[in-house]
Amino acid sequence: MTVHASPIEEERTRERRCIVSGEILPDAQMVRFVVSPDGTVVPDVGAVLPGRGLWIKAERAMLDRAIAKNAFSRAAKKNADSGADLAERTERLLVRRMLGDLGLARRAGQLVLGYDNVARALGGKAPPAVLVEASDGSAGGRRKLTSAVRGHGPAMLDCLTSAELSLALGRENVVHAAVKSGRLAERLISDAGRLSGFRAPGEQALDVKPHRHEREE
């Protein structure tokens, strides 16, 4: 996943302590977890679920360390079952959150779709804040657009596949999109940064259907 510089000014975020490393980081770089009443560790990527928040740096390796060291049980001071698929559940929820925000952007008229439309928007007086490129899209098409924004202009996000973008936007074969400046663009940048800690470049996409322990946000 690539995120180039964005003109959006980062909003002030609260800082949290990672229960594994002890690092104090902005919460936008972390994932919150809670322990459900039945003792299951639940990813709370939107930081909205009730209960004491257990924060971990948004990296798969850090989450693996938390599980290996039984960090959730120690931090919660009670038995906490992480399950074997906690990293996959966390990744799935981050993807679903990004897809939901892209859908909201489309319905709000803040989304530009298609290579030609995106290229025109990038050259306009008020260019979009975020350029979204499918991770499995044509290398040639991506180069032409990304070369125009590298080092300046919109943030470039390439952590979602064409299938995932198409699912979110209700169109087939979505490869190029852009999002206008605003809160949704800011959230997409933040969540793409967190997702990059769980999804390696070129990694196969996960099924984003709800898991029995996951709650819609």
Protein backbone atom coordinates (compact mmCIF):
# COMPACT_ATOMS: atom_id res chain seq x y z
CA MET A 1 0.00 0.00 0.00
CA THR A 2 1.32 3.40 -0.99
CA VAL A 3 0.35 6.69 0.61
CA HIS A 4 1.98 9.78 -0.85
CA ALA A 5 1.81 13.22 0.72
CA SER A 6 -1.66 14.74 1.06
CA PRO A 7 -2.70 18.39 1.21
CA ILE A 8 -5.18 17.51 3.95
CA GLU A 9 -3.99 18.82 7.30
CA GLU A 10 -3.94 16.01 9.82
CA GLU A 11 -6.45 16.55 12.57
CA ARG A 12 -5.40 16.26 16.18
CA THR A 13 -5.85 12.74 17.48
CA ARG A 14 -5.61 11.27 20.94
CA GLU A 15 -2.56 9.25 21.83
CA ARG A 16 -2.75 5.70 23.15
CA ARG A 17 -0.30 3.22 24.61
CA CYS A 18 0.23 -0.08 22.79
CA ILE A 19 -0.33 -2.92 25.25
CA VAL A 20 2.47 -4.92 23.59
CA SER A 21 5.33 -2.52 22.88
CA GLY A 22 4.45 0.27 25.29
CA GLU A 23 4.75 2.81 22.47
CA ILE A 24 2.57 5.92 22.73
CA LEU A 25 1.12 6.68 19.31
CA PRO A 26 -1.78 8.62 17.76
CA ASP A 27 -4.88 6.43 17.80
CA ALA A 28 -5.06 6.81 14.00
CA GLN A 29 -2.04 4.50 13.84
CA MET A 30 -3.54 1.90 16.16
CA VAL A 31 -6.42 -0.55 16.39
CA ARG A 32 -8.70 -0.75 19.41
CA PHE A 33 -9.84 -4.13 20.72
CA VAL A 34 -12.37 -4.99 23.41
CA VAL A 35 -13.17 -8.19 25.26
CA SER A 36 -16.79 -9.21 24.80
CA PRO A 37 -18.92 -10.55 27.68
CA ASP A 38 -18.20 -14.11 26.54
CA GLY A 39 -14.43 -13.46 26.73
CA THR A 40 -13.78 -13.09 23.00
CA VAL A 41 -11.33 -10.43 21.78
CA VAL A 42 -13.16 -8.27 19.23
CA PRO A 43 -11.50 -5.79 16.83
CA ASP A 44 -13.10 -2.35 17.17
CA VAL A 45 -11.64 -0.48 14.18
CA GLY A 46 -14.10 2.39 14.57
CA ALA A 47 -13.42 2.72 18.32
CA VAL A 48 -17.16 2.69 19.10
CA LEU A 49 -17.79 -0.51 21.05
CA PRO A 50 -18.45 -0.33 24.81
CA GLY A 51 -15.91 -1.64 27.25
CA ARG A 52 -12.31 -0.98 28.10
CA GLY A 53 -10.23 -0.36 24.99
CA LEU A 54 -7.06 -2.39 24.46
CA TRP A 55 -4.92 -0.62 21.87
CA ILE A 56 -2.31 -2.20 19.61
CA LYS A 57 -0.13 -0.66 16.91
CA ALA A 58 -1.73 -1.41 13.54
CA GLU A 59 0.66 -4.14 12.46
CA ARG A 60 0.03 -7.85 12.00
CA ALA A 61 3.38 -8.67 13.65
CA MET A 62 2.43 -6.63 16.73
CA LEU A 63 -0.91 -8.38 16.96
CA ASP A 64 0.81 -11.76 16.66
CA ARG A 65 3.07 -10.75 19.55
CA ALA A 66 0.03 -9.77 21.62
CA ILE A 67 -1.49 -13.20 21.09
CA ALA A 68 1.77 -15.05 21.78
CA LYS A 69 2.38 -13.09 24.99
CA ASN A 70 -1.25 -13.38 26.15
CA ALA A 71 -1.26 -9.56 26.28
CA PHE A 72 -5.04 -9.24 26.01
CA SER A 73 -5.68 -11.32 29.13
CA ARG A 74 -3.01 -9.47 31.07
CA ALA A 75 -4.26 -6.03 30.03
CA ALA A 76 -7.92 -6.89 30.61
CA LYS A 77 -7.13 -8.72 33.88
CA LYS A 78 -9.34 -11.62 32.83
CA ASN A 79 -9.27 -14.51 30.39
CA ALA A 80 -9.48 -13.27 26.81
CA ASP A 81 -9.75 -15.61 23.81
CA SER A 82 -8.06 -14.07 20.77
CA GLY A 83 -8.89 -16.90 18.39
CA ALA A 84 -6.68 -18.07 15.56
CA ASP A 85 -8.14 -15.61 13.03
CA LEU A 86 -7.92 -12.31 14.92
CA ALA A 87 -5.57 -10.70 12.38
CA GLU A 88 -7.83 -11.75 9.50
CA ARG A 89 -10.91 -10.40 11.31
CA THR A 90 -9.13 -7.11 11.91
CA GLU A 91 -8.05 -6.80 8.28
CA ARG A 92 -11.55 -7.67 7.09
CA LEU A 93 -13.12 -4.96 9.23
CA LEU A 94 -10.62 -2.33 8.05
CA VAL A 95 -11.40 -3.23 4.44
CA ARG A 96 -15.14 -3.14 5.08
CA ARG A 97 -14.82 0.28 6.75
CA MET A 98 -12.95 1.67 3.73
CA LEU A 99 -15.47 0.19 1.31
CA GLY A 100 -18.29 1.74 3.32
CA ASP A 101 -16.65 5.16 3.19
CA LEU A 102 -16.15 4.88 -0.56
CA GLY A 103 -19.84 4.05 -0.92
CA LEU A 104 -20.74 7.08 1.20
CA ALA A 105 -18.48 9.27 -0.95
CA ARG A 106 -20.24 8.04 -4.09
CA ARG A 107 -23.69 8.79 -2.69
CA ALA A 108 -22.54 12.22 -1.48
CA GLY A 109 -21.19 13.18 -4.89
CA GLN A 110 -17.61 13.27 -3.58
CA LEU A 111 -16.32 10.44 -5.77
CA VAL A 112 -14.88 10.53 -9.29
CA LEU A 113 -14.76 7.26 -11.23
CA GLY A 114 -12.95 6.13 -14.36
CA TYR A 115 -9.52 6.91 -15.80
CA ASP A 116 -10.53 9.87 -17.98
CA ASN A 117 -12.66 11.50 -15.28
CA VAL A 118 -9.96 11.05 -12.66
CA ALA A 119 -7.28 12.44 -14.98
CA ARG A 120 -9.40 15.54 -15.65
CA ALA A 121 -10.10 16.00 -11.93
CA LEU A 122 -6.39 15.81 -11.11
CA GLY A 123 -5.73 18.61 -13.56
CA GLY A 124 -8.58 20.80 -12.32
CA LYS A 125 -8.50 23.84 -10.08
CA ALA A 126 -9.68 21.85 -7.05
CA PRO A 127 -8.03 18.42 -7.42
CA PRO A 128 -9.28 15.52 -5.31
CA ALA A 129 -7.65 14.78 -1.97
CA VAL A 130 -7.32 11.03 -2.56
CA LEU A 131 -6.45 8.98 -5.61
CA VAL A 132 -7.59 5.35 -5.30
CA GLU A 133 -5.92 2.80 -7.56
CA ALA A 134 -6.84 -0.89 -7.60
CA SER A 135 -3.85 -2.91 -6.42
CA ASP A 136 -4.35 -5.35 -9.29
CA GLY A 137 -5.05 -2.74 -11.97
CA SER A 138 -3.11 -2.19 -15.17
CA ALA A 139 0.44 -1.10 -14.43
CA GLY A 140 0.46 1.29 -17.40
CA GLY A 141 -2.72 3.08 -16.40
CA ARG A 142 -1.60 3.38 -12.81
CA ARG A 143 1.79 4.81 -13.82
CA LYS A 144 0.23 7.57 -15.89
CA LEU A 145 -1.94 8.77 -13.02
CA THR A 146 0.40 8.17 -10.11
CA SER A 147 3.30 9.95 -11.82
CA ALA A 148 1.22 13.10 -11.74
CA VAL A 149 0.73 12.99 -7.97
CA ARG A 150 3.98 11.53 -6.66
CA GLY A 151 5.59 13.98 -4.27
CA HIS A 152 2.69 16.43 -4.30
CA GLY A 153 -1.04 16.62 -4.69
CA PRO A 154 -3.49 13.92 -3.54
CA ALA A 155 -2.70 10.96 -1.36
CA MET A 156 -2.48 7.77 -3.42
CA LEU A 157 -4.07 4.61 -1.96
CA ASP A 158 -3.51 1.24 -3.61
CA CYS A 159 -4.42 -1.27 -0.91
CA LEU A 160 -7.80 -2.42 -2.30
CA THR A 161 -8.42 -4.74 -5.23
CA SER A 162 -10.61 -4.03 -8.23
CA ALA A 163 -13.14 -6.60 -6.97
CA GLU A 164 -13.35 -4.85 -3.61
CA LEU A 165 -13.74 -1.41 -5.20
CA SER A 166 -16.39 -2.75 -7.56
CA LEU A 167 -18.29 -4.27 -4.63
CA ALA A 168 -18.25 -0.96 -2.76
CA LEU A 169 -19.27 1.18 -5.72
CA GLY A 170 -21.77 -1.06 -7.48
CA ARG A 171 -19.87 -1.06 -10.78
CA GLU A 172 -17.81 -3.66 -12.60
CA ASN A 173 -14.04 -3.48 -13.05
CA VAL A 174 -13.38 -0.35 -11.00
CA VAL A 175 -9.67 0.46 -11.19
CA HIS A 176 -9.36 4.25 -10.91
CA ALA A 177 -11.23 6.51 -8.51
CA ALA A 178 -10.69 9.75 -6.64
CA VAL A 179 -12.28 11.29 -3.55
CA LYS A 180 -12.78 14.99 -2.99
CA SER A 181 -11.42 16.73 0.08
CA GLY A 182 -13.35 16.18 3.29
CA ARG A 183 -13.82 13.97 6.30
CA LEU A 184 -14.31 10.79 4.23
CA ALA A 185 -11.03 11.40 2.41
CA GLU A 186 -9.25 11.86 5.74
CA ARG A 187 -10.69 8.62 7.10
CA LEU A 188 -9.68 6.71 3.98
CA ILE A 189 -6.09 7.92 4.29
CA SER A 190 -5.95 6.94 7.95
CA ASP A 191 -7.54 3.52 7.42
CA ALA A 192 -5.33 2.77 4.41
CA GLY A 193 -2.32 3.39 6.62
CA ARG A 194 -3.67 0.98 9.23
CA LEU A 195 -4.60 -1.63 6.61
CA SER A 196 -1.05 -1.55 5.24
CA GLY A 197 0.08 -3.06 8.53
CA PHE A 198 -2.05 -6.13 7.87
CA ARG A 199 -2.03 -6.49 4.09
CA ALA A 200 1.19 -6.94 2.17
CA PRO A 201 1.41 -5.53 -1.40
CA GLY A 202 -0.15 -7.99 -3.82
CA GLU A 203 -1.71 -10.08 -1.06
CA GLN A 204 -4.93 -11.85 -2.00
CA ALA A 205 -8.04 -10.08 -0.74
CA LEU A 206 -10.07 -11.60 2.07
CA ASP A 207 -13.76 -12.38 1.92
CA VAL A 208 -15.42 -9.35 3.51
CA LYS A 209 -18.65 -11.06 4.55
CA PRO A 210 -19.49 -10.51 8.24
CA HIS A 211 -17.94 -12.83 10.82
CA ARG A 212 -20.08 -13.99 13.71
CA HIS A 213 -17.97 -11.94 16.19
CA GLU A 214 -17.97 -8.79 14.06
CA ARG A 215 -20.41 -5.92 14.30
CA GLU A 216 -21.32 -3.51 11.57
CA GLU A 217 -20.15 0.05 12.13
